[in-house]
Amino acid sequence: MRLFGKSKEEKIIEFKEKQSLRNGKDLKKLLKIFKQNRDETEKRTGVRPAIDDTTKLFMQKVLNVWLSEGRDIDDEKFWNAVDYNKQFDYPVEYYER
Protein backbone atom coordinates (compact mmCIF):
# COMPACT_ATOMS: atom_id res chain seq x y z
CA MET A 1 0.00 0.00 0.00
CA ARG A 2 1.39 3.36 -1.09
CA LEU A 3 0.81 6.41 1.02
CA PHE A 4 2.33 9.14 -1.14
CA GLY A 5 1.37 8.74 -4.82
CA LYS A 6 3.38 7.20 -7.62
CA SER A 7 6.55 5.21 -7.15
CA LYS A 8 9.84 6.39 -8.58
CA GLU A 9 9.68 3.74 -11.34
CA GLU A 10 6.19 4.89 -12.38
CA LYS A 11 7.36 8.50 -12.53
CA ILE A 12 10.36 7.54 -14.69
CA ILE A 13 8.16 5.57 -17.10
CA GLU A 14 5.69 8.45 -17.34
CA PHE A 15 8.51 10.94 -17.96
CA LYS A 16 10.01 8.78 -20.74
CA GLU A 17 6.62 8.47 -22.46
CA LYS A 18 6.10 12.25 -22.38
CA GLN A 19 9.65 12.83 -23.61
CA SER A 20 9.25 10.44 -26.53
CA LEU A 21 6.02 12.20 -27.59
CA ARG A 22 7.76 15.57 -27.38
CA ASN A 23 10.72 14.28 -29.39
CA GLY A 24 8.39 12.87 -32.04
CA LYS A 25 6.62 16.20 -32.43
CA ASP A 26 9.94 18.02 -32.70
CA LEU A 27 11.16 15.51 -35.29
CA LYS A 28 8.04 16.01 -37.42
CA LYS A 29 8.56 19.79 -37.32
CA LEU A 30 12.19 19.44 -38.39
CA LEU A 31 11.38 17.03 -41.21
CA LYS A 32 8.64 19.39 -42.45
CA ILE A 33 11.12 22.29 -42.56
CA PHE A 34 13.66 20.18 -44.48
CA LYS A 35 10.96 19.17 -46.98
CA GLN A 36 9.90 22.80 -47.46
CA ASN A 37 13.52 23.73 -48.16
CA ARG A 38 13.76 20.99 -50.81
CA ASP A 39 10.48 22.22 -52.34
CA GLU A 40 11.75 25.80 -52.53
CA THR A 41 15.02 24.69 -54.11
CA GLU A 42 13.10 22.59 -56.63
CA LYS A 43 10.93 25.59 -57.57
CA ARG A 44 13.98 27.83 -58.05
CA THR A 45 16.23 25.39 -59.90
CA GLY A 46 13.79 22.92 -61.46
CA VAL A 47 15.74 20.00 -59.94
CA ARG A 48 14.76 18.34 -56.67
CA PRO A 49 17.78 18.17 -54.32
CA ALA A 50 18.73 14.96 -52.53
CA ILE A 51 17.46 14.30 -49.02
CA ASP A 52 19.74 16.05 -46.53
CA ASP A 53 21.94 14.07 -44.15
CA THR A 54 19.97 15.00 -41.03
CA THR A 55 16.72 13.67 -42.47
CA LYS A 56 18.50 10.53 -43.67
CA LEU A 57 19.91 9.97 -40.18
CA PHE A 58 16.54 10.28 -38.43
CA MET A 59 14.71 8.13 -40.95
CA GLN A 60 17.45 5.49 -41.07
CA LYS A 61 16.87 5.03 -37.34
CA VAL A 62 13.16 4.47 -37.96
CA LEU A 63 13.97 2.05 -40.78
CA ASN A 64 16.44 0.15 -38.57
CA VAL A 65 13.79 -0.32 -35.88
CA TRP A 66 11.35 -1.74 -38.41
CA LEU A 67 14.00 -4.06 -39.83
CA SER A 68 14.96 -5.22 -36.33
CA GLU A 69 11.29 -6.13 -35.82
CA GLY A 70 11.63 -8.48 -38.78
CA ARG A 71 9.69 -6.42 -41.32
CA ASP A 72 10.62 -6.65 -45.01
CA ILE A 73 10.59 -2.97 -46.06
CA ASP A 74 10.65 -1.78 -49.67
CA ASP A 75 13.50 0.79 -49.56
CA GLU A 76 12.48 2.67 -52.70
CA LYS A 77 8.91 3.18 -51.51
CA PHE A 78 10.11 4.24 -48.03
CA TRP A 79 12.68 6.81 -49.20
CA ASN A 80 10.29 8.24 -51.80
CA ALA A 81 7.77 8.91 -49.01
CA VAL A 82 10.53 10.50 -46.91
CA ASP A 83 11.49 12.81 -49.78
CA TYR A 84 7.98 14.28 -49.84
CA ASN A 85 7.55 14.16 -46.02
CA LYS A 86 4.78 11.57 -46.20
CA GLN A 87 6.60 8.88 -44.23
CA PHE A 88 4.15 9.16 -41.32
CA ASP A 89 1.01 9.23 -43.48
CA TYR A 90 0.91 5.45 -43.86
CA PRO A 91 1.14 2.50 -41.47
CA VAL A 92 4.30 0.39 -41.48
CA GLU A 93 2.53 -2.31 -43.50
CA TYR A 94 2.34 0.11 -46.46
CA TYR A 95 6.12 -0.06 -46.84
CA GLU A 96 6.40 -3.84 -46.63
CA ARG A 97 7.02 -5.85 -49.78
PDB file of N, CA and C in Angstrom:
ATOM      1  N   MET A   1       0.833  -1.180   0.000  1.00  0.00           N
ATOM      2  CA  MET A   1       0.000   0.000   0.000  1.00  0.00           C
ATOM      3  C   MET A   1       0.885   1.252   0.000  1.00  0.00           C
ATOM      4  N   ARG A   2       0.627   2.119  -0.985  1.00  0.00           N
ATOM      5  CA  ARG A   2       1.389   3.360  -1.089  1.00  0.00           C
ATOM      6  C   ARG A   2       0.656   4.486  -0.380  1.00  0.00           C
ATOM      7  N   LEU A   3       1.414   5.285   0.308  1.00  0.00           N
ATOM      8  CA  LEU A   3       0.812   6.406   1.016  1.00  0.00           C
ATOM      9  C   LEU A   3       0.959   7.727   0.280  1.00  0.00           C
ATOM     10  N   PHE A   4       2.001   7.834  -0.562  1.00  0.00           N
ATOM     11  CA  PHE A   4       2.328   9.141  -1.140  1.00  0.00           C
ATOM     12  C   PHE A   4       2.392   9.139  -2.662  1.00  0.00           C
ATOM     13  N   GLY A   5       1.421   8.633  -3.362  1.00  0.00           N
ATOM     14  CA  GLY A   5       1.371   8.742  -4.816  1.00  0.00           C
ATOM     15  C   GLY A   5       2.188   7.705  -5.556  1.00  0.00           C
ATOM     16  N   LYS A   6       2.687   8.102  -6.699  1.00  0.00           N
ATOM     17  CA  LYS A   6       3.381   7.197  -7.616  1.00  0.00           C
ATOM     18  C   LYS A   6       4.772   6.829  -7.114  1.00  0.00           C
ATOM     19  N   SER A   7       5.189   5.624  -7.486  1.00  0.00           N
ATOM     20  CA  SER A   7       6.548   5.205  -7.146  1.00  0.00           C
ATOM     21  C   SER A   7       7.539   5.874  -8.093  1.00  0.00           C
ATOM     22  N   LYS A   8       8.791   5.796  -7.765  1.00  0.00           N
ATOM     23  CA  LYS A   8       9.845   6.392  -8.583  1.00  0.00           C
ATOM     24  C   LYS A   8       9.862   5.760  -9.977  1.00  0.00           C
ATOM     25  N   GLU A   9       9.673   4.440 -10.052  1.00  0.00           N
ATOM     26  CA  GLU A   9       9.675   3.740 -11.345  1.00  0.00           C
ATOM     27  C   GLU A   9       8.522   4.215 -12.231  1.00  0.00           C
ATOM     28  N   GLU A  10       7.347   4.407 -11.621  1.00  0.00           N
ATOM     29  CA  GLU A  10       6.189   4.886 -12.384  1.00  0.00           C
ATOM     30  C   GLU A  10       6.433   6.302 -12.910  1.00  0.00           C
ATOM     31  N   LYS A  11       7.053   7.134 -12.101  1.00  0.00           N
ATOM     32  CA  LYS A  11       7.358   8.498 -12.529  1.00  0.00           C
ATOM     33  C   LYS A  11       8.359   8.506 -13.683  1.00  0.00           C
ATOM     34  N   ILE A  12       9.356   7.624 -13.621  1.00  0.00           N
ATOM     35  CA  ILE A  12      10.359   7.538 -14.693  1.00  0.00           C
ATOM     36  C   ILE A  12       9.708   7.075 -15.988  1.00  0.00           C
ATOM     37  N   ILE A  13       8.854   6.070 -15.907  1.00  0.00           N
ATOM     38  CA  ILE A  13       8.158   5.572 -17.102  1.00  0.00           C
ATOM     39  C   ILE A  13       7.291   6.665 -17.706  1.00  0.00           C
ATOM     40  N   GLU A  14       6.550   7.367 -16.865  1.00  0.00           N
ATOM     41  CA  GLU A  14       5.689   8.451 -17.339  1.00  0.00           C
ATOM     42  C   GLU A  14       6.509   9.558 -18.007  1.00  0.00           C
ATOM     43  N   PHE A  15       7.640   9.920 -17.395  1.00  0.00           N
ATOM     44  CA  PHE A  15       8.513  10.943 -17.961  1.00  0.00           C
ATOM     45  C   PHE A  15       9.040  10.521 -19.330  1.00  0.00           C
ATOM     46  N   LYS A  16       9.468   9.262 -19.461  1.00  0.00           N
ATOM     47  CA  LYS A  16      10.005   8.776 -20.736  1.00  0.00           C
ATOM     48  C   LYS A  16       8.941   8.790 -21.828  1.00  0.00           C
ATOM     49  N   GLU A  17       7.709   8.444 -21.476  1.00  0.00           N
ATOM     50  CA  GLU A  17       6.620   8.472 -22.456  1.00  0.00           C
ATOM     51  C   GLU A  17       6.360   9.899 -22.936  1.00  0.00           C
ATOM     52  N   LYS A  18       6.311  10.845 -22.005  1.00  0.00           N
ATOM     53  CA  LYS A  18       6.096  12.250 -22.379  1.00  0.00           C
ATOM     54  C   LYS A  18       7.247  12.767 -23.240  1.00  0.00           C
ATOM     55  N   GLN A  19       8.475  12.388 -22.867  1.00  0.00           N
ATOM     56  CA  GLN A  19       9.654  12.833 -23.610  1.00  0.00           C
ATOM     57  C   GLN A  19       9.649  12.280 -25.027  1.00  0.00           C
ATOM     58  N   SER A  20       9.259  11.028 -25.195  1.00  0.00           N
ATOM     59  CA  SER A  20       9.246  10.440 -26.533  1.00  0.00           C
ATOM     60  C   SER A  20       8.191  11.110 -27.409  1.00  0.00           C
ATOM     61  N   LEU A  21       7.038  11.469 -26.830  1.00  0.00           N
ATOM     62  CA  LEU A  21       6.022  12.197 -27.594  1.00  0.00           C
ATOM     63  C   LEU A  21       6.531  13.570 -28.006  1.00  0.00           C
ATOM     64  N   ARG A  22       7.203  14.249 -27.087  1.00  0.00           N
ATOM     65  CA  ARG A  22       7.759  15.570 -27.382  1.00  0.00           C
ATOM     66  C   ARG A  22       8.815  15.467 -28.481  1.00  0.00           C
ATOM     67  N   ASN A  23       9.682  14.467 -28.379  1.00  0.00           N
ATOM     68  CA  ASN A  23      10.723  14.283 -29.395  1.00  0.00           C
ATOM     69  C   ASN A  23      10.117  13.977 -30.755  1.00  0.00           C
ATOM     70  N   GLY A  24       9.054  13.181 -30.778  1.00  0.00           N
ATOM     71  CA  GLY A  24       8.387  12.868 -32.038  1.00  0.00           C
ATOM     72  C   GLY A  24       7.797  14.097 -32.693  1.00  0.00           C
ATOM     73  N   LYS A  25       7.186  14.959 -31.895  1.00  0.00           N
ATOM     74  CA  LYS A  25       6.618  16.203 -32.435  1.00  0.00           C
ATOM     75  C   LYS A  25       7.719  17.105 -32.979  1.00  0.00           C
ATOM     76  N   ASP A  26       8.818  17.210 -32.245  1.00  0.00           N
ATOM     77  CA  ASP A  26       9.940  18.022 -32.704  1.00  0.00           C
ATOM     78  C   ASP A  26      10.523  17.463 -33.999  1.00  0.00           C
ATOM     79  N   LEU A  27      10.630  16.151 -34.087  1.00  0.00           N
ATOM     80  CA  LEU A  27      11.163  15.513 -35.291  1.00  0.00           C
ATOM     81  C   LEU A  27      10.274  15.810 -36.491  1.00  0.00           C
ATOM     82  N   LYS A  28       8.957  15.717 -36.310  1.00  0.00           N
ATOM     83  CA  LYS A  28       8.044  16.014 -37.418  1.00  0.00           C
ATOM     84  C   LYS A  28       8.199  17.460 -37.889  1.00  0.00           C
ATOM     85  N   LYS A  29       8.367  18.388 -36.943  1.00  0.00           N
ATOM     86  CA  LYS A  29       8.557  19.794 -37.317  1.00  0.00           C
ATOM     87  C   LYS A  29       9.838  19.969 -38.128  1.00  0.00           C
ATOM     88  N   LEU A  30      10.918  19.343 -37.672  1.00  0.00           N
ATOM     89  CA  LEU A  30      12.193  19.440 -38.390  1.00  0.00           C
ATOM     90  C   LEU A  30      12.085  18.859 -39.792  1.00  0.00           C
ATOM     91  N   LEU A  31      11.498  17.672 -39.907  1.00  0.00           N
ATOM     92  CA  LEU A  31      11.380  17.034 -41.215  1.00  0.00           C
ATOM     93  C   LEU A  31      10.521  17.865 -42.162  1.00  0.00           C
ATOM     94  N   LYS A  32       9.494  18.528 -41.622  1.00  0.00           N
ATOM     95  CA  LYS A  32       8.644  19.386 -42.452  1.00  0.00           C
ATOM     96  C   LYS A  32       9.444  20.575 -42.981  1.00  0.00           C
ATOM     97  N   ILE A  33      10.281  21.156 -42.135  1.00  0.00           N
ATOM     98  CA  ILE A  33      11.120  22.289 -42.556  1.00  0.00           C
ATOM     99  C   ILE A  33      12.097  21.852 -43.649  1.00  0.00           C
ATOM    100  N   PHE A  34      12.725  20.689 -43.465  1.00  0.00           N
ATOM    101  CA  PHE A  34      13.661  20.185 -44.479  1.00  0.00           C
ATOM    102  C   PHE A  34      12.953  19.949 -45.809  1.00  0.00           C
ATOM    103  N   LYS A  35      11.736  19.427 -45.763  1.00  0.00           N
ATOM    104  CA  LYS A  35      10.963  19.170 -46.981  1.00  0.00           C
ATOM    105  C   LYS A  35      10.616  20.487 -47.668  1.00  0.00           C
ATOM    106  N   GLN A  36      10.229  21.497 -46.883  1.00  0.00           N
ATOM    107  CA  GLN A  36       9.900  22.801 -47.461  1.00  0.00           C
ATOM    108  C   GLN A  36      11.129  23.419 -48.140  1.00  0.00           C
ATOM    109  N   ASN A  37      12.290  23.234 -47.535  1.00  0.00           N
ATOM    110  CA  ASN A  37      13.525  23.733 -48.156  1.00  0.00           C
ATOM    111  C   ASN A  37      13.793  23.033 -49.484  1.00  0.00           C
ATOM    112  N   ARG A  38      13.571  21.711 -49.537  1.00  0.00           N
ATOM    113  CA  ARG A  38      13.762  20.991 -50.809  1.00  0.00           C
ATOM    114  C   ARG A  38      12.756  21.463 -51.850  1.00  0.00           C
ATOM    115  N   ASP A  39      11.509  21.722 -51.423  1.00  0.00           N
ATOM    116  CA  ASP A  39      10.480  22.217 -52.344  1.00  0.00           C
ATOM    117  C   ASP A  39      10.870  23.574 -52.926  1.00  0.00           C
ATOM    118  N   GLU A  40      11.351  24.467 -52.066  1.00  0.00           N
ATOM    119  CA  GLU A  40      11.752  25.801 -52.527  1.00  0.00           C
ATOM    120  C   GLU A  40      12.921  25.712 -53.510  1.00  0.00           C
ATOM    121  N   THR A  41      13.877  24.860 -53.209  1.00  0.00           N
ATOM    122  CA  THR A  41      15.024  24.685 -54.112  1.00  0.00           C
ATOM    123  C   THR A  41      14.565  24.119 -55.445  1.00  0.00           C
ATOM    124  N   GLU A  42      13.611  23.174 -55.393  1.00  0.00           N
ATOM    125  CA  GLU A  42      13.098  22.593 -56.632  1.00  0.00           C
ATOM    126  C   GLU A  42      12.378  23.646 -57.472  1.00  0.00           C
ATOM    127  N   LYS A  43      11.631  24.539 -56.837  1.00  0.00           N
ATOM    128  CA  LYS A  43      10.928  25.592 -57.567  1.00  0.00           C
ATOM    129  C   LYS A  43      11.911  26.552 -58.239  1.00  0.00           C
ATOM    130  N   ARG A  44      12.999  26.887 -57.503  1.00  0.00           N
ATOM    131  CA  ARG A  44      13.984  27.825 -58.049  1.00  0.00           C
ATOM    132  C   ARG A  44      14.827  27.218 -59.160  1.00  0.00           C
ATOM    133  N   THR A  45      15.272  25.981 -58.966  1.00  0.00           N
ATOM    134  CA  THR A  45      16.235  25.390 -59.903  1.00  0.00           C
ATOM    135  C   THR A  45      15.603  24.426 -60.903  1.00  0.00           C
ATOM    136  N   GLY A  46      14.418  23.897 -60.575  1.00  0.00           N
ATOM    137  CA  GLY A  46      13.794  22.919 -61.458  1.00  0.00           C
ATOM    138  C   GLY A  46      14.273  21.498 -61.199  1.00  0.00           C
ATOM    139  N   VAL A  47      15.213  21.323 -60.283  1.00  0.00           N
ATOM    140  CA  VAL A  47      15.735  19.996 -59.945  1.00  0.00           C
ATOM    141  C   VAL A  47      15.548  19.780 -58.446  1.00  0.00           C
ATOM    142  N   ARG A  48      14.976  18.632 -58.093  1.00  0.00           N
ATOM    143  CA  ARG A  48      14.761  18.338 -56.665  1.00  0.00           C
ATOM    144  C   ARG A  48      16.077  17.881 -56.042  1.00  0.00           C
ATOM    145  N   PRO A  49      16.525  18.562 -54.975  1.00  0.00           N
ATOM    146  CA  PRO A  49      17.778  18.168 -54.323  1.00  0.00           C
ATOM    147  C   PRO A  49      17.622  16.852 -53.564  1.00  0.00           C
ATOM    148  N   ALA A  50      18.738  16.205 -53.285  1.00  0.00           N
ATOM    149  CA  ALA A  50      18.732  14.955 -52.528  1.00  0.00           C
ATOM    150  C   ALA A  50      18.295  15.229 -51.087  1.00  0.00           C
ATOM    151  N   ILE A  51      17.845  14.194 -50.424  1.00  0.00           N
ATOM    152  CA  ILE A  51      17.461  14.303 -49.020  1.00  0.00           C
ATOM    153  C   ILE A  51      18.704  14.646 -48.211  1.00  0.00           C
ATOM    154  N   ASP A  52      18.589  15.622 -47.324  1.00  0.00           N
ATOM    155  CA  ASP A  52      19.745  16.053 -46.533  1.00  0.00           C
ATOM    156  C   ASP A  52      20.150  14.975 -45.525  1.00  0.00           C
ATOM    157  N   ASP A  53      21.371  15.086 -45.046  1.00  0.00           N
ATOM    158  CA  ASP A  53      21.944  14.071 -44.152  1.00  0.00           C
ATOM    159  C   ASP A  53      21.195  13.937 -42.833  1.00  0.00           C
ATOM    160  N   THR A  54      20.685  15.045 -42.306  1.00  0.00           N
ATOM    161  CA  THR A  54      19.970  14.998 -41.026  1.00  0.00           C
ATOM    162  C   THR A  54      18.691  14.180 -41.159  1.00  0.00           C
ATOM    163  N   THR A  55      17.940  14.433 -42.229  1.00  0.00           N
ATOM    164  CA  THR A  55      16.718  13.673 -42.466  1.00  0.00           C
ATOM    165  C   THR A  55      17.051  12.199 -42.670  1.00  0.00           C
ATOM    166  N   LYS A  56      18.094  11.922 -43.443  1.00  0.00           N
ATOM    167  CA  LYS A  56      18.497  10.530 -43.666  1.00  0.00           C
ATOM    168  C   LYS A  56      18.828   9.834 -42.353  1.00  0.00           C
ATOM    169  N   LEU A  57      19.530  10.543 -41.470  1.00  0.00           N
ATOM    170  CA  LEU A  57      19.915   9.968 -40.181  1.00  0.00           C
ATOM    171  C   LEU A  57      18.683   9.600 -39.357  1.00  0.00           C
ATOM    172  N   PHE A  58      17.748  10.539 -39.206  1.00  0.00           N
ATOM    173  CA  PHE A  58      16.543  10.279 -38.432  1.00  0.00           C
ATOM    174  C   PHE A  58      15.745   9.116 -39.017  1.00  0.00           C
ATOM    175  N   MET A  59      15.555   9.143 -40.325  1.00  0.00           N
ATOM    176  CA  MET A  59      14.708   8.132 -40.945  1.00  0.00           C
ATOM    177  C   MET A  59      15.403   6.778 -41.033  1.00  0.00           C
ATOM    178  N   GLN A  60      16.726   6.770 -41.091  1.00  0.00           N
ATOM    179  CA  GLN A  60      17.450   5.495 -41.073  1.00  0.00           C
ATOM    180  C   GLN A  60      17.243   4.803 -39.727  1.00  0.00           C
ATOM    181  N   LYS A  61      17.148   5.597 -38.658  1.00  0.00           N
ATOM    182  CA  LYS A  61      16.873   5.026 -37.337  1.00  0.00           C
ATOM    183  C   LYS A  61      15.498   4.373 -37.312  1.00  0.00           C
ATOM    184  N   VAL A  62      14.506   5.037 -37.885  1.00  0.00           N
ATOM    185  CA  VAL A  62      13.157   4.469 -37.962  1.00  0.00           C
ATOM    186  C   VAL A  62      13.196   3.172 -38.774  1.00  0.00           C
ATOM    187  N   LEU A  63      13.869   3.222 -39.909  1.00  0.00           N
ATOM    188  CA  LEU A  63      13.972   2.049 -40.775  1.00  0.00           C
ATOM    189  C   LEU A  63      14.670   0.895 -40.058  1.00  0.00           C
ATOM    190  N   ASN A  64      15.715   1.192 -39.312  1.00  0.00           N
ATOM    191  CA  ASN A  64      16.438   0.151 -38.567  1.00  0.00           C
ATOM    192  C   ASN A  64      15.555  -0.522 -37.524  1.00  0.00           C
ATOM    193  N   VAL A  65      14.711   0.255 -36.871  1.00  0.00           N
ATOM    194  CA  VAL A  65      13.794  -0.319 -35.879  1.00  0.00           C
ATOM    195  C   VAL A  65      12.834  -1.282 -36.566  1.00  0.00           C
ATOM    196  N   TRP A  66      12.271  -0.866 -37.689  1.00  0.00           N
ATOM    197  CA  TRP A  66      11.347  -1.740 -38.410  1.00  0.00           C
ATOM    198  C   TRP A  66      12.038  -3.014 -38.872  1.00  0.00           C
ATOM    199  N   LEU A  67      13.263  -2.878 -39.377  1.00  0.00           N
ATOM    200  CA  LEU A  67      14.004  -4.057 -39.833  1.00  0.00           C
ATOM    201  C   LEU A  67      14.336  -4.972 -38.661  1.00  0.00           C
ATOM    202  N   SER A  68      14.659  -4.400 -37.506  1.00  0.00           N
ATOM    203  CA  SER A  68      14.960  -5.222 -36.327  1.00  0.00           C
ATOM    204  C   SER A  68      13.721  -5.970 -35.838  1.00  0.00           C
ATOM    205  N   GLU A  69      12.534  -5.444 -36.166  1.00  0.00           N
ATOM    206  CA  GLU A  69      11.285  -6.129 -35.821  1.00  0.00           C
ATOM    207  C   GLU A  69      10.972  -7.255 -36.799  1.00  0.00           C
ATOM    208  N   GLY A  70      11.819  -7.414 -37.819  1.00  0.00           N
ATOM    209  CA  GLY A  70      11.629  -8.485 -38.785  1.00  0.00           C
ATOM    210  C   GLY A  70      10.764  -8.118 -39.978  1.00  0.00           C
ATOM    211  N   ARG A  71      10.523  -6.850 -40.185  1.00  0.00           N
ATOM    212  CA  ARG A  71       9.693  -6.419 -41.323  1.00  0.00           C
ATOM    213  C   ARG A  71      10.545  -6.344 -42.590  1.00  0.00           C
ATOM    214  N   ASP A  72       9.940  -6.700 -43.712  1.00  0.00           N
ATOM    215  CA  ASP A  72      10.616  -6.646 -45.007  1.00  0.00           C
ATOM    216  C   ASP A  72      10.165  -5.364 -45.703  1.00  0.00           C
ATOM    217  N   ILE A  73      10.960  -4.313 -45.583  1.00  0.00           N
ATOM    218  CA  ILE A  73      10.594  -2.969 -46.057  1.00  0.00           C
ATOM    219  C   ILE A  73      11.112  -2.746 -47.474  1.00  0.00           C
ATOM    220  N   ASP A  74      10.264  -2.165 -48.324  1.00  0.00           N
ATOM    221  CA  ASP A  74      10.652  -1.778 -49.675  1.00  0.00           C
ATOM    222  C   ASP A  74      11.364  -0.423 -49.584  1.00  0.00           C
ATOM    223  N   ASP A  75      12.689  -0.431 -49.747  1.00  0.00           N
ATOM    224  CA  ASP A  75      13.498   0.787 -49.565  1.00  0.00           C
ATOM    225  C   ASP A  75      13.071   1.923 -50.479  1.00  0.00           C
ATOM    226  N   GLU A  76      12.819   1.617 -51.735  1.00  0.00           N
ATOM    227  CA  GLU A  76      12.476   2.670 -52.699  1.00  0.00           C
ATOM    228  C   GLU A  76      11.180   3.376 -52.300  1.00  0.00           C
ATOM    229  N   LYS A  77      10.190   2.615 -51.928  1.00  0.00           N
ATOM    230  CA  LYS A  77       8.905   3.178 -51.514  1.00  0.00           C
ATOM    231  C   LYS A  77       9.080   4.029 -50.241  1.00  0.00           C
ATOM    232  N   PHE A  78       9.884   3.533 -49.298  1.00  0.00           N
ATOM    233  CA  PHE A  78      10.115   4.241 -48.033  1.00  0.00           C
ATOM    234  C   PHE A  78      10.810   5.576 -48.274  1.00  0.00           C
ATOM    235  N   TRP A  79      11.919   5.578 -49.003  1.00  0.00           N
ATOM    236  CA  TRP A  79      12.683   6.813 -49.198  1.00  0.00           C
ATOM    237  C   TRP A  79      11.950   7.807 -50.092  1.00  0.00           C
ATOM    238  N   ASN A  80      11.102   7.331 -51.000  1.00  0.00           N
ATOM    239  CA  ASN A  80      10.287   8.243 -51.805  1.00  0.00           C
ATOM    240  C   ASN A  80       9.289   8.978 -50.911  1.00  0.00           C
ATOM    241  N   ALA A  81       8.701   8.272 -49.956  1.00  0.00           N
ATOM    242  CA  ALA A  81       7.772   8.912 -49.013  1.00  0.00           C
ATOM    243  C   ALA A  81       8.518   9.923 -48.140  1.00  0.00           C
ATOM    244  N   VAL A  82       9.729   9.594 -47.730  1.00  0.00           N
ATOM    245  CA  VAL A  82      10.531  10.505 -46.905  1.00  0.00           C
ATOM    246  C   VAL A  82      10.831  11.785 -47.673  1.00  0.00           C
ATOM    247  N   ASP A  83      11.149  11.652 -48.965  1.00  0.00           N
ATOM    248  CA  ASP A  83      11.494  12.814 -49.776  1.00  0.00           C
ATOM    249  C   ASP A  83      10.361  13.838 -49.794  1.00  0.00           C
ATOM    250  N   TYR A  84       9.125  13.366 -49.795  1.00  0.00           N
ATOM    251  CA  TYR A  84       7.984  14.282 -49.841  1.00  0.00           C
ATOM    252  C   TYR A  84       7.318  14.439 -48.471  1.00  0.00           C
ATOM    253  N   ASN A  85       8.009  14.015 -47.405  1.00  0.00           N
ATOM    254  CA  ASN A  85       7.552  14.160 -46.018  1.00  0.00           C
ATOM    255  C   ASN A  85       6.213  13.486 -45.784  1.00  0.00           C
ATOM    256  N   LYS A  86       6.009  12.330 -46.385  1.00  0.00           N
ATOM    257  CA  LYS A  86       4.779  11.575 -46.201  1.00  0.00           C
ATOM    258  C   LYS A  86       5.044  10.258 -45.471  1.00  0.00           C
ATOM    259  N   GLN A  87       6.222  10.138 -44.856  1.00  0.00           N
ATOM    260  CA  GLN A  87       6.601   8.878 -44.234  1.00  0.00           C
ATOM    261  C   GLN A  87       5.711   8.497 -43.055  1.00  0.00           C
ATOM    262  N   PHE A  88       5.019   9.456 -42.455  1.00  0.00           N
ATOM    263  CA  PHE A  88       4.150   9.157 -41.317  1.00  0.00           C
ATOM    264  C   PHE A  88       2.679   9.111 -41.723  1.00  0.00           C
ATOM    265  N   ASP A  89       2.398   9.252 -43.012  1.00  0.00           N
ATOM    266  CA  ASP A  89       1.009   9.230 -43.476  1.00  0.00           C
ATOM    267  C   ASP A  89       0.460   7.816 -43.586  1.00  0.00           C
ATOM    268  N   TYR A  90       1.320   6.826 -43.635  1.00  0.00           N
ATOM    269  CA  TYR A  90       0.911   5.451 -43.861  1.00  0.00           C
ATOM    270  C   TYR A  90       1.364   4.559 -42.709  1.00  0.00           C
ATOM    271  N   PRO A  91       0.654   3.451 -42.478  1.00  0.00           N
ATOM    272  CA  PRO A  91       1.137   2.496 -41.470  1.00  0.00           C
ATOM    273  C   PRO A  91       2.379   1.757 -41.994  1.00  0.00           C
ATOM    274  N   VAL A  92       3.096   1.110 -41.114  1.00  0.00           N
ATOM    275  CA  VAL A  92       4.301   0.394 -41.480  1.00  0.00           C
ATOM    276  C   VAL A  92       4.026  -0.638 -42.571  1.00  0.00           C
ATOM    277  N   GLU A  93       2.877  -1.257 -42.524  1.00  0.00           N
ATOM    278  CA  GLU A  93       2.528  -2.307 -43.501  1.00  0.00           C
ATOM    279  C   GLU A  93       2.558  -1.788 -44.935  1.00  0.00           C
ATOM    280  N   TYR A  94       2.310  -0.489 -45.126  1.00  0.00           N
ATOM    281  CA  TYR A  94       2.338   0.109 -46.462  1.00  0.00           C
ATOM    282  C   TYR A  94       3.701  -0.061 -47.119  1.00  0.00           C
ATOM    283  N   TYR A  95       4.763  -0.011 -46.311  1.00  0.00           N
ATOM    284  CA  TYR A  95       6.123  -0.058 -46.838  1.00  0.00           C
ATOM    285  C   TYR A  95       6.660  -1.484 -47.013  1.00  0.00           C
ATOM    286  N   GLU A  96       5.929  -2.454 -46.521  1.00  0.00           N
ATOM    287  CA  GLU A  96       6.400  -3.837 -46.630  1.00  0.00           C
ATOM    288  C   GLU A  96       6.213  -4.352 -48.054  1.00  0.00           C
ATOM    289  N   ARG A  97       7.110  -5.256 -48.430  1.00  0.00           N
ATOM    290  CA  ARG A  97       7.015  -5.853 -49.782  1.00  0.00           C
ATOM    291  C   ARG A  97       5.938  -6.886 -49.840  1.00  0.00           C
TER     292      ARG A  97
END
